[in-house]
Protein backbone atom coordinates (compact mmCIF):
# COMPACT_ATOMS: atom_id res chain seq x y z
CA MET A 1 42.40 146.81 177.49
CA ALA A 2 42.17 145.77 173.83
CA THR A 3 45.22 144.55 172.00
CA VAL A 4 45.82 145.95 168.57
CA GLU A 5 47.77 143.78 166.20
CA THR A 6 49.62 145.44 163.39
CA PHE A 7 51.06 143.82 160.33
CA VAL A 8 54.79 144.26 160.15
CA PRO A 9 56.15 143.02 156.86
CA SER A 10 59.07 140.72 157.36
CA ARG A 11 62.16 140.94 155.27
CA ALA A 12 62.16 138.92 152.10
CA GLU A 13 63.31 135.37 152.61
CA SER A 14 66.71 134.60 151.19
CA ILE A 15 67.43 131.51 149.14
CA PHE A 16 68.99 129.97 152.24
CA ASP A 17 65.93 130.81 154.37
CA LEU A 18 63.71 129.12 151.81
CA GLY A 19 66.04 126.11 151.73
CA ASP A 20 65.93 125.88 155.52
CA ARG A 21 62.14 126.15 155.48
CA LEU A 22 61.91 123.37 152.87
CA THR A 23 64.24 121.14 154.87
CA ALA A 24 62.28 121.73 158.09
CA LEU A 25 58.99 121.04 156.32
CA LEU A 26 60.28 117.77 154.85
CA GLN A 27 61.65 116.68 158.23
CA GLN A 28 58.33 117.47 159.88
CA ILE A 29 56.45 115.44 157.27
CA ARG A 30 58.86 112.52 157.73
CA ARG A 31 58.33 112.59 161.52
CA GLU A 32 54.54 112.76 161.15
CA THR A 33 54.12 110.11 158.46
CA GLY A 34 57.08 107.81 158.93
CA ASP A 35 57.06 106.77 155.28
CA ASP A 36 57.63 108.25 151.82
CA LYS A 37 54.02 109.33 151.34
CA ILE A 38 53.35 113.04 151.61
CA PRO A 39 49.93 113.91 153.05
CA GLU A 40 47.65 115.90 150.77
CA ASN A 41 47.49 118.82 153.22
CA SER A 42 51.29 119.19 153.12
CA LEU A 43 51.63 119.12 149.34
CA SER A 44 50.50 122.73 148.83
CA ARG A 45 52.89 124.02 151.51
CA LEU A 46 55.74 122.06 149.92
CA GLY A 47 54.74 123.30 146.47
CA ASP A 48 54.70 126.93 147.61
CA THR A 49 58.11 126.61 149.23
CA VAL A 50 59.64 124.88 146.22
CA GLU A 51 58.09 127.45 143.89
CA GLY A 52 59.54 130.30 145.95
CA LEU A 53 62.96 128.67 145.89
CA GLN A 54 62.75 127.97 142.17
CA SER A 55 61.73 131.55 141.36
CA ARG A 56 64.90 132.77 143.05
CA LEU A 57 67.19 130.23 141.36
CA VAL A 58 65.95 130.26 137.76
CA ARG A 59 67.10 133.11 135.57
CA LYS A 60 64.40 134.49 133.37
CA ALA A 61 65.33 135.33 129.82
CA GLU A 62 64.91 138.96 128.92
CA ARG A 63 61.85 139.56 126.83
CA ASP A 64 62.56 141.10 123.44
CA PRO A 65 60.00 143.89 122.93
CA ARG A 66 60.37 143.80 119.15
CA SER A 67 57.67 142.14 117.10
CA LEU A 68 58.33 139.66 114.31
CA PHE A 69 57.59 142.49 111.88
CA ASP A 70 60.29 144.64 113.50
CA LEU A 71 62.71 141.76 113.30
CA ASP A 72 61.81 141.18 109.66
CA GLU A 73 62.51 144.83 108.82
CA ARG A 74 65.82 144.55 110.62
CA LEU A 75 66.74 141.50 108.52
CA ILE A 76 66.01 143.37 105.30
CA GLU A 77 68.20 146.24 106.47
CA LEU A 78 71.04 143.90 107.47
CA MET A 79 70.87 141.95 104.22
CA ASP A 80 70.97 145.20 102.18
CA ARG A 81 74.03 146.30 104.13
CA ALA A 82 75.64 142.86 103.66
CA GLU A 83 75.02 142.98 99.89
CA ASP A 84 76.54 146.45 99.66
CA ALA A 85 79.55 145.35 101.70
CA ALA A 86 79.99 142.17 99.62
CA GLU A 87 80.03 144.26 96.41
CA GLN A 88 82.83 146.37 97.89
CA GLY A 89 84.88 143.37 98.91
CA GLU A 90 84.39 141.87 102.35
CA ILE A 91 81.60 141.96 104.94
CA PRO A 92 82.87 143.62 108.13
CA GLN A 93 82.90 141.55 111.34
CA ASP A 94 80.64 144.11 113.04
CA LEU A 95 77.94 143.48 110.43
CA LEU A 96 78.34 139.70 110.77
CA ASP A 97 77.92 140.07 114.55
CA GLN A 98 74.74 142.08 114.02
CA ILE A 99 73.38 139.39 111.67
CA ASN A 100 74.17 136.71 114.27
CA ASP A 101 72.44 138.79 116.95
CA TYR A 102 69.43 139.09 114.66
CA LEU A 103 69.32 135.33 114.06
CA GLU A 104 69.42 134.65 117.81
CA ALA A 105 66.67 137.22 118.49
CA PHE A 106 64.52 135.72 115.74
CA ARG A 107 65.02 132.17 117.04
CA THR A 108 64.14 133.24 120.58
CA LYS A 109 61.03 135.09 119.40
CA VAL A 110 59.83 132.10 117.35
CA ASP A 111 60.48 129.73 120.29
CA ARG A 112 58.46 131.98 122.61
CA ILE A 113 55.58 132.16 120.13
CA ALA A 114 55.61 128.36 119.76
CA GLY A 115 55.59 128.02 123.56
CA TYR A 116 52.64 130.40 123.81
CA TRP A 117 50.83 128.41 121.12
CA ARG A 118 51.39 125.13 123.00
CA TRP A 119 50.20 126.78 126.22
CA GLN A 120 47.01 127.97 124.53
CA GLU A 121 46.40 124.49 123.10
CA SER A 122 46.74 122.99 126.59
CA ILE A 123 44.36 125.61 128.05
CA ALA A 124 41.84 124.78 125.30
CA ALA A 125 42.16 121.04 126.07
CA ILE A 126 41.71 121.64 129.80
CA CYS A 127 38.64 123.81 129.16
CA GLY A 128 37.20 121.11 126.89
CA GLU A 129 37.66 118.48 129.60
CA GLU A 130 36.04 120.81 132.14
CA VAL A 131 33.06 121.38 129.83
CA GLU A 132 32.62 117.61 129.54
CA ARG A 133 32.87 117.14 133.31
CA LEU A 134 30.39 119.93 134.04
CA SER A 135 27.91 118.69 131.43
CA ILE A 136 27.93 115.26 133.11
CA ARG A 137 27.23 116.95 136.46
CA ARG A 138 24.46 119.02 134.86
CA ARG A 139 22.75 115.94 133.38
CA ALA A 140 22.99 114.14 136.74
CA ALA A 141 21.45 117.12 138.56
CA GLU A 142 18.67 117.39 135.97
CA ARG A 143 17.90 113.68 136.38
CA ARG A 144 17.63 114.11 140.16
CA VAL A 145 15.24 117.05 139.73
CA ASN A 146 13.12 115.36 137.05
CA VAL A 147 12.63 112.08 138.96
């Protein structure tokens, strides 16, 4: 009689389950190696476990869907309202709070764009290094064929 195996999804691991799994993995590595060196084959398992734990612990900032152009239009609107209020006497606290919220949103948006820019620069550098590495391999292969 043939046995049919079915995939039964397990419940999502809690933070504590992941912590226990990380602890058990580290203890196993310590028993197997006896020193502070982590074998190459265990690094990916450790990395996956740590990444899973980190993804549950780190809070992700909410992404602001507005573009810089939207934010710029909002600034113009807020500054017009502030000028009108200043001409009438005093700028209301509600308007000041909105201006502060705008400034924070703008700062966050600019920081995210700068981070994206740095990420793209690093990707370009990595691709450049890979091109160099592959061209060296290509020349070596061509020399072996042309001998």
